[in-house]
Amino acid sequence: MRRLSLVTYRVDDGVRDILEKTITDRIEGTDLEPDTHTAILAGIGAHALRTHLPGELLGALAVFPHTGHHALLVDNLPQQEFPATPVDGFVDETRLAVVNAVHLGVLQLLGLMPYAVDYENDGLLMRNVAPNPSAAGTTSSWGADTEFFWHTDNPHLRFGEPGTDPRVSVPRYLTFYAVRNDERVATELMAVEDALDQLDESDRRLLSSDVFEVGAPASTDPTEPLLLTGVPVLEGHRVGYRVRFDLGTTRGTTPGSEEGLERWKAALGRAAAWEPVLEPGQVLVFDNYRCLHRRTAFTPTDPTRSRWLRRCYASA
């Protein structure tokens, strides 16, 4: 039985249409983009959402970071006219003001702070998760032809704590707005508890030992190599276990730890997972400390309409 704890809501069509009109009217004649105008876009989106969403959903958003749930999916949020999928990774953000307001507005209602990091995505807030020919053959959010095995984002950093600068830590939350997904590619999620169910106690203890090193993933562009040494894959915490892992960059520093990693990889292959195919207008939020995620390899459709998700890191 899957142990991933999930909250899902679908916005009524009428509410969606009112939200779209309200936000569109408020950004008309503006030139808003998410890096310079983060607070303005978030405020516009949050005000519209707070005014028109049902109280049940608003309450669920407000408490989500405090409930222990692993993931949240909100369906049928406003869309807009979209440009071609940005196969070079970047887009004129002023053309996406409606969905940026929606995305950032949801984060504000969740009580989460969006942020960018300087070692990835040219330091920009919104990452366009879309096939990029320059990333062919790599396990990157810009890749497509290579399977992206179970992993957590930026595991080469330390876990953060509330009230600290999130940019120097593992991102706590990954948040996505789905623009298009004609290829029907799943964004698979696994709770760390489901992986742990596949391990015996000795392997849990081994993976909780400081005998591993983790390098930066392929999607980062650090000015110097980043390597975190003497760390565990699993860290006990008040909410249970936190996990850091990337298949291509996590190594054991002893023969026993390398063998333990092989058993961990096998456990990930057996564990129960949730496999949502994100639809346009959906927002997905999940706890990157307590979930692993993956994407299978796929062949993009017409490049102008290939799979396109918008990702933003967020901190409690």
Protein backbone atom coordinates (compact mmCIF):
# COMPACT_ATOMS: atom_id res chain seq x y z
CA MET A 1 0.00 0.00 0.00
CA ARG A 2 1.42 3.38 -1.00
CA ARG A 3 2.31 5.63 1.94
CA LEU A 4 2.65 8.89 0.03
CA SER A 5 0.21 11.34 1.63
CA LEU A 6 -1.49 13.43 -1.06
CA VAL A 7 -3.92 16.36 -1.09
CA THR A 8 -5.85 16.94 -4.33
CA TYR A 9 -8.42 19.56 -5.32
CA ARG A 10 -10.14 20.50 -8.58
CA VAL A 11 -11.28 24.07 -9.16
CA ASP A 12 -14.75 24.39 -10.72
CA ASP A 13 -14.84 25.63 -14.31
CA GLY A 14 -16.80 28.74 -13.36
CA VAL A 15 -14.34 29.69 -10.64
CA ARG A 16 -11.42 29.07 -13.01
CA ASP A 17 -12.95 31.40 -15.60
CA ILE A 18 -13.53 34.16 -13.04
CA LEU A 19 -9.96 33.80 -11.80
CA GLU A 20 -8.59 34.03 -15.32
CA LYS A 21 -10.59 37.17 -16.10
CA THR A 22 -9.72 38.82 -12.78
CA ILE A 23 -5.99 38.21 -13.10
CA THR A 24 -5.93 39.13 -16.81
CA ASP A 25 -7.68 42.43 -16.08
CA ARG A 26 -5.21 43.27 -13.30
CA ILE A 27 -2.09 42.67 -15.39
CA GLU A 28 -3.38 44.38 -18.54
CA GLY A 29 -0.98 47.08 -19.68
CA THR A 30 1.78 45.94 -17.32
CA ASP A 31 5.21 44.50 -18.06
CA LEU A 32 5.55 42.14 -15.11
CA GLU A 33 8.15 39.38 -14.90
CA PRO A 34 8.78 37.08 -11.94
CA ASP A 35 12.35 37.98 -11.06
CA THR A 36 11.88 41.74 -10.76
CA HIS A 37 8.20 41.75 -9.79
CA THR A 38 7.86 38.60 -7.68
CA ALA A 39 5.87 40.24 -4.88
CA ILE A 40 3.56 42.11 -7.27
CA LEU A 41 2.67 39.01 -9.27
CA ALA A 42 2.24 36.95 -6.11
CA GLY A 43 -0.01 39.63 -4.63
CA ILE A 44 -2.20 39.83 -7.73
CA GLY A 45 -2.55 36.06 -7.89
CA ALA A 46 -3.09 35.55 -4.17
CA HIS A 47 -5.77 38.27 -3.99
CA ALA A 48 -7.75 36.72 -6.84
CA LEU A 49 -7.37 33.21 -5.46
CA ARG A 50 -8.30 34.29 -1.94
CA THR A 51 -11.37 36.10 -3.25
CA HIS A 52 -12.75 33.35 -5.45
CA LEU A 53 -11.50 29.93 -4.28
CA PRO A 54 -13.79 27.98 -1.91
CA GLY A 55 -12.98 28.17 1.79
CA GLU A 56 -12.20 24.46 1.98
CA LEU A 57 -9.38 24.80 -0.54
CA LEU A 58 -8.06 28.02 1.02
CA GLY A 59 -7.91 26.29 4.39
CA ALA A 60 -6.12 23.28 2.91
CA LEU A 61 -3.52 25.54 1.28
CA ALA A 62 -2.91 27.45 4.50
CA VAL A 63 -2.17 24.32 6.55
CA PHE A 64 -0.48 22.13 3.93
CA PRO A 65 3.14 22.84 4.99
CA HIS A 66 2.24 21.95 8.59
CA THR A 67 0.31 18.73 8.04
CA GLY A 68 3.00 16.22 7.11
CA HIS A 69 1.51 15.60 3.66
CA HIS A 70 4.05 14.81 0.98
CA ALA A 71 2.38 16.45 -2.02
CA LEU A 72 -0.42 18.74 -3.18
CA LEU A 73 -2.10 18.84 -6.59
CA VAL A 74 -4.52 21.63 -7.57
CA ASP A 75 -6.30 21.01 -10.86
CA ASN A 76 -8.07 23.27 -13.37
CA LEU A 77 -6.37 26.57 -12.57
CA PRO A 78 -6.35 29.42 -15.12
CA GLN A 79 -4.35 29.12 -18.32
CA GLN A 80 -3.56 31.66 -21.06
CA GLU A 81 -2.30 31.87 -24.62
CA PHE A 82 1.17 30.28 -24.55
CA PRO A 83 4.14 30.78 -26.87
CA ALA A 84 6.05 27.85 -28.33
CA THR A 85 7.80 25.59 -25.87
CA PRO A 86 11.18 27.24 -25.13
CA VAL A 87 13.59 24.59 -26.37
CA ASP A 88 16.56 26.80 -25.45
CA GLY A 89 15.34 26.90 -21.85
CA PHE A 90 14.25 30.52 -21.67
CA VAL A 91 11.21 32.60 -22.59
CA ASP A 92 10.01 36.21 -22.44
CA GLU A 93 8.52 36.08 -18.96
CA THR A 94 6.31 39.12 -19.51
CA ARG A 95 4.25 36.97 -21.88
CA LEU A 96 3.44 34.56 -19.02
CA ALA A 97 2.18 37.03 -16.44
CA VAL A 98 -1.17 35.29 -15.91
CA VAL A 99 0.26 31.89 -15.06
CA ASN A 100 3.12 33.45 -13.10
CA ALA A 101 0.52 35.25 -10.98
CA VAL A 102 -1.35 31.98 -10.49
CA HIS A 103 1.79 30.02 -9.61
CA LEU A 104 3.22 32.63 -7.25
CA GLY A 105 -0.22 33.35 -5.80
CA VAL A 106 -0.63 29.69 -4.82
CA LEU A 107 2.76 29.80 -3.12
CA GLN A 108 1.75 32.88 -1.16
CA LEU A 109 -1.43 31.17 0.04
CA LEU A 110 0.70 28.18 1.09
CA GLY A 111 2.91 30.50 3.11
CA LEU A 112 5.94 29.54 1.01
CA MET A 113 8.71 31.82 -0.23
CA PRO A 114 9.79 31.42 -3.88
CA TYR A 115 13.48 31.82 -4.58
CA ALA A 116 16.16 31.35 -7.22
CA VAL A 117 19.71 30.02 -6.93
CA ASP A 118 22.75 31.41 -8.70
CA TYR A 119 24.23 28.03 -9.66
CA GLU A 120 21.36 26.98 -11.94
CA ASN A 121 19.08 28.40 -14.63
CA ASP A 122 21.13 31.61 -14.97
CA GLY A 123 19.89 32.58 -11.50
CA LEU A 124 16.29 33.00 -12.72
CA LEU A 125 13.27 32.14 -10.60
CA MET A 126 11.26 30.07 -13.08
CA ARG A 127 12.86 26.99 -14.62
CA ASN A 128 11.34 25.85 -17.90
CA VAL A 129 11.31 22.07 -17.70
CA ALA A 130 11.30 21.30 -21.40
CA PRO A 131 13.38 19.26 -23.86
CA ASN A 132 16.49 21.20 -24.83
CA PRO A 133 18.67 19.74 -27.62
CA SER A 134 21.80 20.93 -25.80
CA ALA A 135 20.92 18.62 -22.89
CA ALA A 136 20.55 15.46 -25.00
CA GLY A 137 21.99 12.44 -23.23
CA THR A 138 22.01 14.08 -19.80
CA THR A 139 19.92 13.45 -16.69
CA SER A 140 18.64 16.99 -16.50
CA SER A 141 15.27 18.73 -16.34
CA TRP A 142 16.13 19.92 -19.86
CA GLY A 143 16.69 16.35 -21.04
CA ALA A 144 14.24 13.89 -22.57
CA ASP A 145 16.06 10.96 -24.19
CA THR A 146 17.58 9.66 -20.92
CA GLU A 147 15.65 8.31 -17.96
CA PHE A 148 15.85 10.57 -14.92
CA PHE A 149 16.04 7.95 -12.15
CA TRP A 150 14.65 8.49 -8.65
CA HIS A 151 16.34 11.50 -7.09
CA THR A 152 15.95 14.60 -4.97
CA ASP A 153 16.87 18.05 -6.26
CA ASN A 154 20.27 19.50 -5.33
CA PRO A 155 21.25 16.78 -2.82
CA HIS A 156 24.82 18.10 -2.75
CA LEU A 157 23.71 20.77 -0.26
CA ARG A 158 22.87 20.60 3.45
CA PHE A 159 19.27 20.47 4.60
CA GLY A 160 17.93 23.84 5.66
CA GLU A 161 15.97 24.95 8.69
CA PRO A 162 13.20 27.55 9.04
CA GLY A 163 14.40 31.11 9.32
CA THR A 164 17.62 30.60 7.34
CA ASP A 165 18.70 31.56 3.82
CA PRO A 166 17.20 28.79 1.63
CA ARG A 167 19.56 29.40 -1.28
CA VAL A 168 22.44 27.58 0.41
CA SER A 169 20.35 24.50 1.28
CA VAL A 170 18.54 21.66 -0.42
CA PRO A 171 15.27 23.15 -1.79
CA ARG A 172 12.46 22.22 0.61
CA TYR A 173 9.61 22.36 -1.90
CA LEU A 174 9.49 21.84 -5.64
CA THR A 175 6.51 23.53 -7.28
CA PHE A 176 5.32 23.10 -10.85
CA TYR A 177 2.78 24.72 -13.14
CA ALA A 178 1.95 22.50 -16.13
CA VAL A 179 1.77 24.32 -19.47
CA ARG A 180 1.53 21.35 -21.84
CA ASN A 181 2.20 17.63 -21.82
CA ASP A 182 1.04 16.20 -25.14
CA GLU A 183 3.45 13.26 -24.73
CA ARG A 184 1.61 12.19 -21.56
CA VAL A 185 4.84 11.88 -19.57
CA ALA A 186 4.34 11.16 -15.87
CA THR A 187 6.02 13.10 -13.06
CA GLU A 188 6.48 10.20 -10.65
CA LEU A 189 6.69 10.70 -6.89
CA MET A 190 7.72 8.34 -4.10
CA ALA A 191 7.53 8.96 -0.36
CA VAL A 192 10.75 8.13 1.45
CA GLU A 193 8.66 5.90 3.74
CA ASP A 194 7.70 3.72 0.77
CA ALA A 195 11.37 3.24 -0.09
CA LEU A 196 12.24 2.48 3.53
CA ASP A 197 9.62 -0.27 3.60
CA GLN A 198 11.80 -2.13 1.10
CA LEU A 199 14.90 -2.08 3.35
CA ASP A 200 15.85 -4.05 6.42
CA GLU A 201 17.01 -2.32 9.59
CA SER A 202 20.70 -2.88 8.90
CA ASP A 203 20.47 -1.09 5.55
CA ARG A 204 18.55 1.78 7.15
CA ARG A 205 21.36 2.19 9.66
CA LEU A 206 24.00 2.02 6.91
CA LEU A 207 22.25 4.62 4.76
CA SER A 208 21.97 6.84 7.85
CA SER A 209 25.76 6.74 8.35
CA ASP A 210 28.14 9.53 7.30
CA VAL A 211 29.89 7.38 4.67
CA PHE A 212 28.58 8.89 1.44
CA GLU A 213 29.46 11.79 -0.83
CA VAL A 214 27.12 13.61 -3.17
CA GLY A 215 28.08 15.77 -6.12
CA ALA A 216 26.12 18.47 -7.94
CA PRO A 217 23.59 17.21 -10.52
CA ALA A 218 23.94 17.83 -14.24
CA SER A 219 21.37 20.63 -14.22
CA THR A 220 23.60 22.89 -12.10
CA ASP A 221 26.30 25.18 -13.43
CA PRO A 222 28.56 25.89 -10.46
CA THR A 223 31.59 28.13 -10.81
CA GLU A 224 33.57 25.38 -9.05
CA PRO A 225 32.86 21.67 -8.47
CA LEU A 226 30.44 21.08 -5.60
CA LEU A 227 30.85 17.93 -3.50
CA LEU A 228 29.31 17.21 -0.12
CA THR A 229 31.34 14.56 1.73
CA GLY A 230 30.81 12.56 4.89
CA VAL A 231 27.01 12.68 4.79
CA PRO A 232 24.19 10.11 5.01
CA VAL A 233 21.61 9.34 2.34
CA LEU A 234 18.97 9.24 5.07
CA GLU A 235 18.76 11.68 7.96
CA GLY A 236 16.43 11.19 10.90
CA HIS A 237 14.30 14.23 11.68
CA ARG A 238 11.26 15.11 13.74
CA VAL A 239 9.02 14.38 10.72
CA GLY A 240 10.70 11.02 10.10
CA TYR A 241 13.47 10.58 7.55
CA ARG A 242 14.83 13.16 5.12
CA VAL A 243 16.54 11.87 1.99
CA ARG A 244 19.27 13.09 -0.38
CA PHE A 245 20.06 11.10 -3.49
CA ASP A 246 21.03 11.38 -7.14
CA LEU A 247 21.93 8.21 -9.01
CA GLY A 248 24.70 9.84 -11.01
CA THR A 249 26.38 11.78 -8.20
CA THR A 250 25.92 9.77 -4.97
CA ARG A 251 28.75 7.41 -4.03
CA GLY A 252 29.73 5.34 -1.04
CA THR A 253 33.17 5.96 0.42
CA THR A 254 33.60 2.39 1.72
CA PRO A 255 32.99 -1.01 0.09
CA GLY A 256 30.09 -1.63 2.45
CA SER A 257 28.45 1.69 1.65
CA GLU A 258 28.74 1.07 -2.09
CA GLU A 259 26.98 -2.26 -1.60
CA GLY A 260 24.35 -0.50 0.51
CA LEU A 261 23.72 1.97 -2.31
CA GLU A 262 23.08 -0.90 -4.70
CA ARG A 263 20.45 -2.28 -2.34
CA TRP A 264 18.96 1.21 -2.01
CA LYS A 265 18.66 1.51 -5.80
CA ALA A 266 16.97 -1.90 -5.92
CA ALA A 267 14.57 -0.81 -3.16
CA LEU A 268 13.62 2.27 -5.19
CA GLY A 269 12.83 0.02 -8.12
CA ARG A 270 10.40 -2.03 -6.00
CA ALA A 271 8.70 0.65 -3.92
CA ALA A 272 5.19 1.97 -4.51
CA ALA A 273 4.93 5.32 -6.29
CA TRP A 274 2.38 7.84 -7.55
CA GLU A 275 2.54 8.48 -11.31
CA PRO A 276 0.50 11.57 -12.23
CA VAL A 277 0.47 12.78 -15.82
CA LEU A 278 0.34 16.52 -15.27
CA GLU A 279 -2.31 18.31 -17.30
CA PRO A 280 -2.30 21.98 -18.42
CA GLY A 281 -3.47 24.24 -15.62
CA GLN A 282 -2.36 21.98 -12.78
CA VAL A 283 -0.06 23.05 -9.96
CA LEU A 284 1.95 20.35 -8.17
CA VAL A 285 3.83 21.00 -4.93
CA PHE A 286 5.88 18.37 -3.11
CA ASP A 287 8.32 18.08 -0.22
CA ASN A 288 11.79 17.56 -1.69
CA TYR A 289 13.10 16.49 1.74
CA ARG A 290 10.66 13.59 2.03
CA CYS A 291 9.93 12.66 -1.60
CA LEU A 292 11.97 11.33 -4.49
CA HIS A 293 10.85 11.93 -8.06
CA ARG A 294 11.70 10.67 -11.52
CA ARG A 295 10.83 10.97 -15.20
CA THR A 296 11.12 8.23 -17.79
CA ALA A 297 12.77 8.90 -21.14
CA PHE A 298 10.47 10.14 -23.88
CA THR A 299 10.47 11.40 -27.46
CA PRO A 300 9.25 15.00 -27.76
CA THR A 301 6.46 15.84 -30.15
CA ASP A 302 6.68 18.86 -32.44
CA PRO A 303 9.33 20.97 -30.63
CA THR A 304 6.99 23.94 -30.52
CA ARG A 305 4.50 21.87 -28.49
CA SER A 306 6.77 19.53 -26.53
CA ARG A 307 6.28 18.92 -22.82
CA TRP A 308 6.63 22.10 -20.78
CA LEU A 309 6.42 22.49 -17.03
CA ARG A 310 7.34 25.60 -15.03
CA ARG A 311 9.31 24.89 -11.86
CA CYS A 312 9.96 27.18 -8.92
CA TYR A 313 11.82 26.38 -5.70
CA ALA A 314 10.10 27.41 -2.48
CA SER A 315 10.93 27.49 1.21
CA ALA A 316 8.71 27.42 4.29
